Amino acid sequence: MKRSTIAIAAAAVLATLVAATAAFAGESKGNTLYRYVGQLKATSGSSVTVTVQNGNRAALRSLLGQSQEQTFATGEKTVFLKWTNGIPKVVGIGDLAVNDYVT
């Protein structure tokens, strides 16, 4: 009887530890970077539509079960950089062309 009580108590402690570990693993310790890479399909004054072809792990996981074509909102703090020969230049959304590769 005493052994089964100890085994049940140990199993309960183990289940609690597993649940706590899973809960803490899901928490974010700050901001997460989602880096999408693909070809530009369209622009508007406040968004860009991209066919996502690659990205970092967080970005690709966020697309599971979603379409490859994604629309991203832009705002007044959005900065567009166009790289030429390794030199970045700040450009406007109107300077982006369909089929440009974007990140």
PDB file of N, CA and C in Angstrom:
ATOM      1  N   MET A   1       0.823  -1.187   0.000  1.00  0.00           N
ATOM      2  CA  MET A   1       0.000   0.000   0.000  1.00  0.00           C
ATOM      3  C   MET A   1       0.869   1.254   0.000  1.00  0.00           C
ATOM      4  N   LYS A   2       1.926   1.223   0.817  1.00  0.00           N
ATOM      5  CA  LYS A   2       2.813   2.370   0.934  1.00  0.00           C
ATOM      6  C   LYS A   2       3.550   2.619  -0.384  1.00  0.00           C
ATOM      7  N   ARG A   3       3.954   1.544  -1.075  1.00  0.00           N
ATOM      8  CA  ARG A   3       4.660   1.688  -2.355  1.00  0.00           C
ATOM      9  C   ARG A   3       3.755   2.309  -3.413  1.00  0.00           C
ATOM     10  N   SER A   4       2.506   1.905  -3.483  1.00  0.00           N
ATOM     11  CA  SER A   4       1.613   2.459  -4.497  1.00  0.00           C
ATOM     12  C   SER A   4       1.327   3.933  -4.223  1.00  0.00           C
ATOM     13  N   THR A   5       1.263   4.329  -2.959  1.00  0.00           N
ATOM     14  CA  THR A   5       1.064   5.735  -2.614  1.00  0.00           C
ATOM     15  C   THR A   5       2.267   6.553  -3.046  1.00  0.00           C
ATOM     16  N   ILE A   6       3.460   6.039  -2.832  1.00  0.00           N
ATOM     17  CA  ILE A   6       4.684   6.735  -3.241  1.00  0.00           C
ATOM     18  C   ILE A   6       4.753   6.821  -4.761  1.00  0.00           C
ATOM     19  N   ALA A   7       4.383   5.748  -5.452  1.00  0.00           N
ATOM     20  CA  ALA A   7       4.407   5.741  -6.916  1.00  0.00           C
ATOM     21  C   ALA A   7       3.405   6.754  -7.473  1.00  0.00           C
ATOM     22  N   ILE A   8       2.228   6.839  -6.878  1.00  0.00           N
ATOM     23  CA  ILE A   8       1.217   7.803  -7.332  1.00  0.00           C
ATOM     24  C   ILE A   8       1.699   9.231  -7.078  1.00  0.00           C
ATOM     25  N   ALA A   9       2.302   9.457  -5.920  1.00  0.00           N
ATOM     26  CA  ALA A   9       2.819  10.788  -5.590  1.00  0.00           C
ATOM     27  C   ALA A   9       3.941  11.175  -6.558  1.00  0.00           C
ATOM     28  N   ALA A  10       4.828  10.233  -6.856  1.00  0.00           N
ATOM     29  CA  ALA A  10       5.926  10.507  -7.791  1.00  0.00           C
ATOM     30  C   ALA A  10       5.383  10.803  -9.181  1.00  0.00           C
ATOM     31  N   ALA A  11       4.371  10.063  -9.611  1.00  0.00           N
ATOM     32  CA  ALA A  11       3.766  10.301 -10.925  1.00  0.00           C
ATOM     33  C   ALA A  11       3.093  11.669 -10.976  1.00  0.00           C
ATOM     34  N   ALA A  12       2.458  12.074  -9.883  1.00  0.00           N
ATOM     35  CA  ALA A  12       1.810  13.386  -9.833  1.00  0.00           C
ATOM     36  C   ALA A  12       2.839  14.507  -9.909  1.00  0.00           C
ATOM     37  N   VAL A  13       3.950  14.339  -9.185  1.00  0.00           N
ATOM     38  CA  VAL A  13       5.024  15.347  -9.220  1.00  0.00           C
ATOM     39  C   VAL A  13       5.615  15.425 -10.619  1.00  0.00           C
ATOM     40  N   LEU A  14       5.849  14.279 -11.243  1.00  0.00           N
ATOM     41  CA  LEU A  14       6.401  14.243 -12.589  1.00  0.00           C
ATOM     42  C   LEU A  14       5.455  14.915 -13.589  1.00  0.00           C
ATOM     43  N   ALA A  15       4.162  14.644 -13.494  1.00  0.00           N
ATOM     44  CA  ALA A  15       3.189  15.264 -14.392  1.00  0.00           C
ATOM     45  C   ALA A  15       3.168  16.779 -14.196  1.00  0.00           C
ATOM     46  N   THR A  16       3.271  17.233 -12.951  1.00  0.00           N
ATOM     47  CA  THR A  16       3.296  18.673 -12.668  1.00  0.00           C
ATOM     48  C   THR A  16       4.534  19.314 -13.266  1.00  0.00           C
ATOM     49  N   LEU A  17       5.692  18.662 -13.140  1.00  0.00           N
ATOM     50  CA  LEU A  17       6.930  19.201 -13.702  1.00  0.00           C
ATOM     51  C   LEU A  17       6.868  19.277 -15.220  1.00  0.00           C
ATOM     52  N   VAL A  18       6.315  18.262 -15.855  1.00  0.00           N
ATOM     53  CA  VAL A  18       6.190  18.261 -17.313  1.00  0.00           C
ATOM     54  C   VAL A  18       5.264  19.390 -17.761  1.00  0.00           C
ATOM     55  N   ALA A  19       4.152  19.574 -17.078  1.00  0.00           N
ATOM     56  CA  ALA A  19       3.215  20.646 -17.436  1.00  0.00           C
ATOM     57  C   ALA A  19       3.843  22.015 -17.236  1.00  0.00           C
ATOM     58  N   ALA A  20       4.589  22.194 -16.145  1.00  0.00           N
ATOM     59  CA  ALA A  20       5.240  23.483 -15.879  1.00  0.00           C
ATOM     60  C   ALA A  20       6.315  23.771 -16.916  1.00  0.00           C
ATOM     61  N   THR A  21       7.069  22.758 -17.296  1.00  0.00           N
ATOM     62  CA  THR A  21       8.107  22.937 -18.313  1.00  0.00           C
ATOM     63  C   THR A  21       7.484  23.331 -19.643  1.00  0.00           C
ATOM     64  N   ALA A  22       6.399  22.710 -20.025  1.00  0.00           N
ATOM     65  CA  ALA A  22       5.717  23.028 -21.278  1.00  0.00           C
ATOM     66  C   ALA A  22       5.177  24.456 -21.238  1.00  0.00           C
ATOM     67  N   ALA A  23       4.670  24.867 -20.104  1.00  0.00           N
ATOM     68  CA  ALA A  23       4.125  26.226 -19.989  1.00  0.00           C
ATOM     69  C   ALA A  23       5.228  27.265 -20.118  1.00  0.00           C
ATOM     70  N   PHE A  24       6.358  27.025 -19.463  1.00  0.00           N
ATOM     71  CA  PHE A  24       7.460  27.987 -19.547  1.00  0.00           C
ATOM     72  C   PHE A  24       8.107  27.991 -20.920  1.00  0.00           C
ATOM     73  N   ALA A  25       8.125  26.864 -21.602  1.00  0.00           N
ATOM     74  CA  ALA A  25       8.723  26.797 -22.939  1.00  0.00           C
ATOM     75  C   ALA A  25       7.921  27.621 -23.930  1.00  0.00           C
ATOM     76  N   GLY A  26       6.634  27.781 -23.710  1.00  0.00           N
ATOM     77  CA  GLY A  26       5.786  28.541 -24.616  1.00  0.00           C
ATOM     78  C   GLY A  26       5.881  30.039 -24.428  1.00  0.00           C
ATOM     79  N   GLU A  27       6.429  30.486 -23.299  1.00  0.00           N
ATOM     80  CA  GLU A  27       6.525  31.918 -23.036  1.00  0.00           C
ATOM     81  C   GLU A  27       7.643  32.545 -23.837  1.00  0.00           C
ATOM     82  N   SER A  28       7.406  33.752 -24.299  1.00  0.00           N
ATOM     83  CA  SER A  28       8.421  34.500 -25.028  1.00  0.00           C
ATOM     84  C   SER A  28       9.135  35.423 -24.065  1.00  0.00           C
ATOM     85  N   LYS A  29      10.440  35.439 -24.113  1.00  0.00           N
ATOM     86  CA  LYS A  29      11.236  36.284 -23.233  1.00  0.00           C
ATOM     87  C   LYS A  29      11.603  37.582 -23.944  1.00  0.00           C
ATOM     88  N   GLY A  30      10.689  38.181 -24.632  1.00  0.00           N
ATOM     89  CA  GLY A  30      10.951  39.411 -25.366  1.00  0.00           C
ATOM     90  C   GLY A  30      10.281  39.342 -26.721  1.00  0.00           C
ATOM     91  N   ASN A  31      10.750  40.168 -27.602  1.00  0.00           N
ATOM     92  CA  ASN A  31      10.181  40.200 -28.948  1.00  0.00           C
ATOM     93  C   ASN A  31      10.743  39.069 -29.801  1.00  0.00           C
ATOM     94  N   THR A  32       9.925  38.524 -30.657  1.00  0.00           N
ATOM     95  CA  THR A  32      10.344  37.473 -31.571  1.00  0.00           C
ATOM     96  C   THR A  32      10.448  38.069 -32.966  1.00  0.00           C
ATOM     97  N   LEU A  33      11.552  37.806 -33.635  1.00  0.00           N
ATOM     98  CA  LEU A  33      11.760  38.286 -34.994  1.00  0.00           C
ATOM     99  C   LEU A  33      11.158  37.297 -35.980  1.00  0.00           C
ATOM    100  N   TYR A  34      10.268  37.782 -36.821  1.00  0.00           N
ATOM    101  CA  TYR A  34       9.699  36.984 -37.894  1.00  0.00           C
ATOM    102  C   TYR A  34      10.288  37.530 -39.193  1.00  0.00           C
ATOM    103  N   ARG A  35      11.130  36.734 -39.840  1.00  0.00           N
ATOM    104  CA  ARG A  35      11.802  37.187 -41.059  1.00  0.00           C
ATOM    105  C   ARG A  35      11.290  36.375 -42.239  1.00  0.00           C
ATOM    106  N   TYR A  36      10.507  37.043 -43.088  1.00  0.00           N
ATOM    107  CA  TYR A  36       9.946  36.409 -44.274  1.00  0.00           C
ATOM    108  C   TYR A  36      10.752  36.847 -45.491  1.00  0.00           C
ATOM    109  N   VAL A  37      10.973  35.931 -46.441  1.00  0.00           N
ATOM    110  CA  VAL A  37      11.706  36.240 -47.665  1.00  0.00           C
ATOM    111  C   VAL A  37      10.856  35.762 -48.836  1.00  0.00           C
ATOM    112  N   GLY A  38      10.713  36.619 -49.845  1.00  0.00           N
ATOM    113  CA  GLY A  38       9.924  36.217 -51.000  1.00  0.00           C
ATOM    114  C   GLY A  38       9.884  37.293 -52.059  1.00  0.00           C
ATOM    115  N   GLN A  39       8.978  37.117 -53.016  1.00  0.00           N
ATOM    116  CA  GLN A  39       8.837  38.061 -54.121  1.00  0.00           C
ATOM    117  C   GLN A  39       7.622  38.954 -53.893  1.00  0.00           C
ATOM    118  N   LEU A  40       7.820  40.233 -54.162  1.00  0.00           N
ATOM    119  CA  LEU A  40       6.760  41.222 -54.025  1.00  0.00           C
ATOM    120  C   LEU A  40       5.727  41.016 -55.126  1.00  0.00           C
ATOM    121  N   LYS A  41       4.454  40.954 -54.743  1.00  0.00           N
ATOM    122  CA  LYS A  41       3.373  40.775 -55.717  1.00  0.00           C
ATOM    123  C   LYS A  41       2.582  42.050 -55.930  1.00  0.00           C
ATOM    124  N   ALA A  42       2.432  42.867 -54.896  1.00  0.00           N
ATOM    125  CA  ALA A  42       1.651  44.102 -55.031  1.00  0.00           C
ATOM    126  C   ALA A  42       1.962  45.030 -53.866  1.00  0.00           C
ATOM    127  N   THR A  43       1.725  46.317 -54.079  1.00  0.00           N
ATOM    128  CA  THR A  43       1.848  47.300 -53.009  1.00  0.00           C
ATOM    129  C   THR A  43       0.608  48.191 -53.005  1.00  0.00           C
ATOM    130  N   SER A  44       0.322  48.718 -51.849  1.00  0.00           N
ATOM    131  CA  SER A  44      -0.703  49.751 -51.734  1.00  0.00           C
ATOM    132  C   SER A  44      -0.123  50.797 -50.794  1.00  0.00           C
ATOM    133  N   GLY A  45      -0.874  51.800 -50.474  1.00  0.00           N
ATOM    134  CA  GLY A  45      -0.353  52.843 -49.596  1.00  0.00           C
ATOM    135  C   GLY A  45      -0.001  52.363 -48.204  1.00  0.00           C
ATOM    136  N   SER A  46      -0.655  51.279 -47.760  1.00  0.00           N
ATOM    137  CA  SER A  46      -0.433  50.841 -46.387  1.00  0.00           C
ATOM    138  C   SER A  46      -0.133  49.347 -46.243  1.00  0.00           C
ATOM    139  N   SER A  47       0.205  48.674 -47.356  1.00  0.00           N
ATOM    140  CA  SER A  47       0.522  47.249 -47.257  1.00  0.00           C
ATOM    141  C   SER A  47       1.346  46.774 -48.447  1.00  0.00           C
ATOM    142  N   VAL A  48       2.000  45.643 -48.238  1.00  0.00           N
ATOM    143  CA  VAL A  48       2.716  44.964 -49.322  1.00  0.00           C
ATOM    144  C   VAL A  48       2.266  43.508 -49.322  1.00  0.00           C
ATOM    145  N   THR A  49       2.098  42.940 -50.507  1.00  0.00           N
ATOM    146  CA  THR A  49       1.731  41.534 -50.646  1.00  0.00           C
ATOM    147  C   THR A  49       2.934  40.793 -51.193  1.00  0.00           C
ATOM    148  N   VAL A  50       3.308  39.719 -50.496  1.00  0.00           N
ATOM    149  CA  VAL A  50       4.532  38.980 -50.812  1.00  0.00           C
ATOM    150  C   VAL A  50       4.196  37.499 -50.933  1.00  0.00           C
ATOM    151  N   THR A  51       4.785  36.837 -51.939  1.00  0.00           N
ATOM    152  CA  THR A  51       4.737  35.381 -52.007  1.00  0.00           C
ATOM    153  C   THR A  51       5.942  34.885 -51.219  1.00  0.00           C
ATOM    154  N   VAL A  52       5.687  34.383 -50.025  1.00  0.00           N
ATOM    155  CA  VAL A  52       6.764  33.978 -49.116  1.00  0.00           C
ATOM    156  C   VAL A  52       7.377  32.671 -49.608  1.00  0.00           C
ATOM    157  N   GLN A  53       8.709  32.677 -49.747  1.00  0.00           N
ATOM    158  CA  GLN A  53       9.430  31.502 -50.216  1.00  0.00           C
ATOM    159  C   GLN A  53      10.391  30.939 -49.184  1.00  0.00           C
ATOM    160  N   ASN A  54      10.745  31.751 -48.187  1.00  0.00           N
ATOM    161  CA  ASN A  54      11.699  31.323 -47.169  1.00  0.00           C
ATOM    162  C   ASN A  54      11.546  32.239 -45.960  1.00  0.00           C
ATOM    163  N   GLY A  55      12.334  31.985 -44.939  1.00  0.00           N
ATOM    164  CA  GLY A  55      12.310  32.809 -43.744  1.00  0.00           C
ATOM    165  C   GLY A  55      12.962  32.090 -42.590  1.00  0.00           C
ATOM    166  N   ASN A  56      12.970  32.743 -41.435  1.00  0.00           N
ATOM    167  CA  ASN A  56      13.532  32.075 -40.270  1.00  0.00           C
ATOM    168  C   ASN A  56      12.500  31.109 -39.690  1.00  0.00           C
ATOM    169  N   ARG A  57      12.899  30.360 -38.701  1.00  0.00           N
ATOM    170  CA  ARG A  57      12.050  29.303 -38.158  1.00  0.00           C
ATOM    171  C   ARG A  57      10.716  29.844 -37.632  1.00  0.00           C
ATOM    172  N   ALA A  58      10.764  30.946 -36.882  1.00  0.00           N
ATOM    173  CA  ALA A  58       9.532  31.518 -36.324  1.00  0.00           C
ATOM    174  C   ALA A  58       8.567  31.927 -37.437  1.00  0.00           C
ATOM    175  N   ALA A  59       9.098  32.534 -38.491  1.00  0.00           N
ATOM    176  CA  ALA A  59       8.249  32.973 -39.604  1.00  0.00           C
ATOM    177  C   ALA A  59       7.620  31.780 -40.310  1.00  0.00           C
ATOM    178  N   LEU A  60       8.414  30.787 -40.610  1.00  0.00           N
ATOM    179  CA  LEU A  60       7.890  29.622 -41.334  1.00  0.00           C
ATOM    180  C   LEU A  60       6.874  28.856 -40.496  1.00  0.00           C
ATOM    181  N   ARG A  61       7.106  28.775 -39.187  1.00  0.00           N
ATOM    182  CA  ARG A  61       6.134  28.100 -38.315  1.00  0.00           C
ATOM    183  C   ARG A  61       4.817  28.856 -38.280  1.00  0.00           C
ATOM    184  N   SER A  62       4.884  30.192 -38.356  1.00  0.00           N
ATOM    185  CA  SER A  62       3.656  30.984 -38.309  1.00  0.00           C
ATOM    186  C   SER A  62       2.804  30.792 -39.570  1.00  0.00           C
ATOM    187  N   LEU A  63       3.412  30.291 -40.633  1.00  0.00           N
ATOM    188  CA  LEU A  63       2.691  30.097 -41.894  1.00  0.00           C
ATOM    189  C   LEU A  63       2.116  28.698 -42.070  1.00  0.00           C
ATOM    190  N   LEU A  64       2.367  27.799 -41.123  1.00  0.00           N
ATOM    191  CA  LEU A  64       1.835  26.441 -41.254  1.00  0.00           C
ATOM    192  C   LEU A  64       0.320  26.491 -41.425  1.00  0.00           C
ATOM    193  N   GLY A  65      -0.165  25.892 -42.483  1.00  0.00           N
ATOM    194  CA  GLY A  65      -1.589  25.871 -42.772  1.00  0.00           C
ATOM    195  C   GLY A  65      -2.109  27.149 -43.412  1.00  0.00           C
ATOM    196  N   GLN A  66      -1.216  28.093 -43.715  1.00  0.00           N
ATOM    197  CA  GLN A  66      -1.608  29.363 -44.313  1.00  0.00           C
ATOM    198  C   GLN A  66      -1.157  29.407 -45.770  1.00  0.00           C
ATOM    199  N   SER A  67      -1.648  30.387 -46.485  1.00  0.00           N
ATOM    200  CA  SER A  67      -1.247  30.601 -47.869  1.00  0.00           C
ATOM    201  C   SER A  67       0.173  31.155 -47.928  1.00  0.00           C
ATOM    202  N   GLN A  68       0.880  30.860 -49.017  1.00  0.00           N
ATOM    203  CA  GLN A  68       2.210  31.431 -49.219  1.00  0.00           C
ATOM    204  C   GLN A  68       2.130  32.920 -49.500  1.00  0.00           C
ATOM    205  N   GLU A  69       1.025  33.354 -50.063  1.00  0.00           N
ATOM    206  CA  GLU A  69       0.855  34.766 -50.376  1.00  0.00           C
ATOM    207  C   GLU A  69       0.316  35.480 -49.147  1.00  0.00           C
ATOM    208  N   GLN A  70       1.107  36.395 -48.610  1.00  0.00           N
ATOM    209  CA  GLN A  70       0.768  37.097 -47.385  1.00  0.00           C
ATOM    210  C   GLN A  70       0.801  38.599 -47.604  1.00  0.00           C
ATOM    211  N   THR A  71      -0.096  39.304 -46.938  1.00  0.00           N
ATOM    212  CA  THR A  71      -0.128  40.758 -46.996  1.00  0.00           C
ATOM    213  C   THR A  71       0.330  41.295 -45.656  1.00  0.00           C
ATOM    214  N   PHE A  72       1.307  42.201 -45.695  1.00  0.00           N
ATOM    215  CA  PHE A  72       1.875  42.795 -44.496  1.00  0.00           C
ATOM    216  C   PHE A  72       1.531  44.273 -44.446  1.00  0.00           C
ATOM    217  N   ALA A  73       1.051  44.714 -43.303  1.00  0.00           N
ATOM    218  CA  ALA A  73       0.714  46.124 -43.119  1.00  0.00           C
ATOM    219  C   ALA A  73       1.990  46.942 -42.968  1.00  0.00           C
ATOM    220  N   THR A  74       1.960  48.156 -43.473  1.00  0.00           N
ATOM    221  CA  THR A  74       3.065  49.091 -43.285  1.00  0.00           C
ATOM    222  C   THR A  74       2.521  50.305 -42.561  1.00  0.00           C
ATOM    223  N   GLY A  75       3.406  51.065 -41.975  1.00  0.00           N
ATOM    224  CA  GLY A  75       2.997  52.248 -41.237  1.00  0.00           C
ATOM    225  C   GLY A  75       4.007  53.361 -41.400  1.00  0.00           C
ATOM    226  N   GLU A  76       3.804  54.424 -40.662  1.00  0.00           N
ATOM    227  CA  GLU A  76       4.699  55.577 -40.792  1.00  0.00           C
ATOM    228  C   GLU A  76       6.113  55.265 -40.309  1.00  0.00           C
ATOM    229  N   LYS A  77       6.271  54.241 -39.479  1.00  0.00           N
ATOM    230  CA  LYS A  77       7.606  53.866 -38.996  1.00  0.00           C
ATOM    231  C   LYS A  77       8.268  52.794 -39.865  1.00  0.00           C
ATOM    232  N   THR A  78       7.562  52.314 -40.892  1.00  0.00           N
ATOM    233  CA  THR A  78       8.131  51.305 -41.782  1.00  0.00           C
ATOM    234  C   THR A  78       9.215  51.942 -42.639  1.00  0.00           C
ATOM    235  N   VAL A  79      10.365  51.263 -42.704  1.00  0.00           N
ATOM    236  CA  VAL A  79      11.493  51.751 -43.499  1.00  0.00           C
ATOM    237  C   VAL A  79      11.761  50.725 -44.598  1.00  0.00           C
ATOM    238  N   PHE A  80      11.869  51.207 -45.819  1.00  0.00           N
ATOM    239  CA  PHE A  80      12.210  50.348 -46.950  1.00  0.00           C
ATOM    240  C   PHE A  80      13.643  50.654 -47.356  1.00  0.00           C
ATOM    241  N   LEU A  81      14.464  49.617 -47.416  1.00  0.00           N
ATOM    242  CA  LEU A  81      15.857  49.765 -47.841  1.00  0.00           C
ATOM    243  C   LEU A  81      16.040  49.019 -49.150  1.00  0.00           C
ATOM    244  N   LYS A  82      16.659  49.657 -50.098  1.00  0.00           N
ATOM    245  CA  LYS A  82      17.003  49.009 -51.367  1.00  0.00           C
ATOM    246  C   LYS A  82      18.524  48.891 -51.399  1.00  0.00           C
ATOM    247  N   TRP A  83      18.988  47.654 -51.572  1.00  0.00           N
ATOM    248  CA  TRP A  83      20.420  47.388 -51.554  1.00  0.00           C
ATOM    249  C   TRP A  83      20.951  47.349 -52.983  1.00  0.00           C
ATOM    250  N   THR A  84      22.013  48.107 -53.230  1.00  0.00           N
ATOM    251  CA  THR A  84      22.690  48.102 -54.517  1.00  0.00           C
ATOM    252  C   THR A  84      24.185  47.990 -54.256  1.00  0.00           C
ATOM    253  N   ASN A  85      24.800  46.923 -54.767  1.00  0.00           N
ATOM    254  CA  ASN A  85      26.233  46.679 -54.566  1.00  0.00           C
ATOM    255  C   ASN A  85      26.616  46.723 -53.090  1.00  0.00           C
ATOM    256  N   GLY A  86      25.750  46.170 -52.237  1.00  0.00           N
ATOM    257  CA  GLY A  86      26.047  46.098 -50.810  1.00  0.00           C
ATOM    258  C   GLY A  86      25.809  47.387 -50.045  1.00  0.00           C
ATOM    259  N   ILE A  87      25.229  48.389 -50.682  1.00  0.00           N
ATOM    260  CA  ILE A  87      24.995  49.677 -50.032  1.00  0.00           C
ATOM    261  C   ILE A  87      23.493  49.906 -49.930  1.00  0.00           C
ATOM    262  N   PRO A  88      22.981  50.088 -48.684  1.00  0.00           N
ATOM    263  CA  PRO A  88      21.546  50.313 -48.536  1.00  0.00           C
ATOM    264  C   PRO A  88      21.175  51.772 -48.778  1.00  0.00           C
ATOM    265  N   LYS A  89      19.981  51.977 -49.324  1.00  0.00           N
ATOM    266  CA  LYS A  89      19.456  53.315 -49.547  1.00  0.00           C
ATOM    267  C   LYS A  89      17.988  53.300 -49.135  1.00  0.00           C
ATOM    268  N   VAL A  90      17.572  54.281 -48.340  1.00  0.00           N
ATOM    269  CA  VAL A  90      16.173  54.374 -47.926  1.00  0.00           C
ATOM    270  C   VAL A  90      15.339  54.807 -49.122  1.00  0.00           C
ATOM    271  N   VAL A  91      14.278  54.026 -49.411  1.00  0.00           N
ATOM    272  CA  VAL A  91      13.384  54.338 -50.528  1.00  0.00           C
ATOM    273  C   VAL A  91      11.945  54.313 -50.021  1.00  0.00           C
ATOM    274  N   GLY A  92      11.045  54.789 -50.832  1.00  0.00           N
ATOM    275  CA  GLY A  92       9.624  54.756 -50.501  1.00  0.00           C
ATOM    276  C   GLY A  92       8.967  53.502 -51.031  1.00  0.00           C
ATOM    277  N   ILE A  93       7.735  53.259 -50.604  1.00  0.00           N
ATOM    278  CA  ILE A  93       7.008  52.078 -51.045  1.00  0.00           C
ATOM    279  C   ILE A  93       6.790  52.103 -52.560  1.00  0.00           C
ATOM    280  N   GLY A  94       6.720  53.289 -53.144  1.00  0.00           N
ATOM    281  CA  GLY A  94       6.537  53.423 -54.594  1.00  0.00           C
ATOM    282  C   GLY A  94       7.750  53.012 -55.398  1.00  0.00           C
ATOM    283  N   ASP A  95       8.917  52.916 -54.740  1.00  0.00           N
ATOM    284  CA  ASP A  95      10.142  52.510 -55.418  1.00  0.00           C
ATOM    285  C   ASP A  95      10.283  51.004 -55.525  1.00  0.00           C
ATOM    286  N   LEU A  96       9.378  50.275 -54.881  1.00  0.00           N
ATOM    287  CA  LEU A  96       9.407  48.818 -54.965  1.00  0.00           C
ATOM    288  C   LEU A  96       8.661  48.372 -56.215  1.00  0.00           C
ATOM    289  N   ALA A  97       9.194  47.350 -56.873  1.00  0.00           N
ATOM    290  CA  ALA A  97       8.585  46.868 -58.116  1.00  0.00           C
ATOM    291  C   ALA A  97       8.103  45.434 -57.941  1.00  0.00           C
ATOM    292  N   VAL A  98       7.049  45.070 -58.652  1.00  0.00           N
ATOM    293  CA  VAL A  98       6.543  43.697 -58.627  1.00  0.00           C
ATOM    294  C   VAL A  98       7.675  42.753 -59.028  1.00  0.00           C
ATOM    295  N   ASN A  99       7.746  41.634 -58.344  1.00  0.00           N
ATOM    296  CA  ASN A  99       8.760  40.579 -58.508  1.00  0.00           C
ATOM    297  C   ASN A  99      10.106  40.918 -57.896  1.00  0.00           C
ATOM    298  N   ASP A 100      10.247  42.068 -57.204  1.00  0.00           N
ATOM    299  CA  ASP A 100      11.461  42.321 -56.419  1.00  0.00           C
ATOM    300  C   ASP A 100      11.513  41.308 -55.292  1.00  0.00           C
ATOM    301  N   TYR A 101      12.722  40.843 -54.986  1.00  0.00           N
ATOM    302  CA  TYR A 101      12.888  39.979 -53.809  1.00  0.00           C
ATOM    303  C   TYR A 101      12.963  40.874 -52.582  1.00  0.00           C
ATOM    304  N   VAL A 102      12.169  40.533 -51.578  1.00  0.00           N
ATOM    305  CA  VAL A 102      12.119  41.344 -50.371  1.00  0.00           C
ATOM    306  C   VAL A 102      12.285  40.450 -49.134  1.00  0.00           C
ATOM    307  N   THR A 103      12.743  41.088 -48.076  1.00  0.00           N
ATOM    308  CA  THR A 103      12.868  40.427 -46.782  1.00  0.00           C
ATOM    309  C   THR A 103      12.137  41.253 -45.761  1.00  0.00           C
TER     310      THR A 103
END
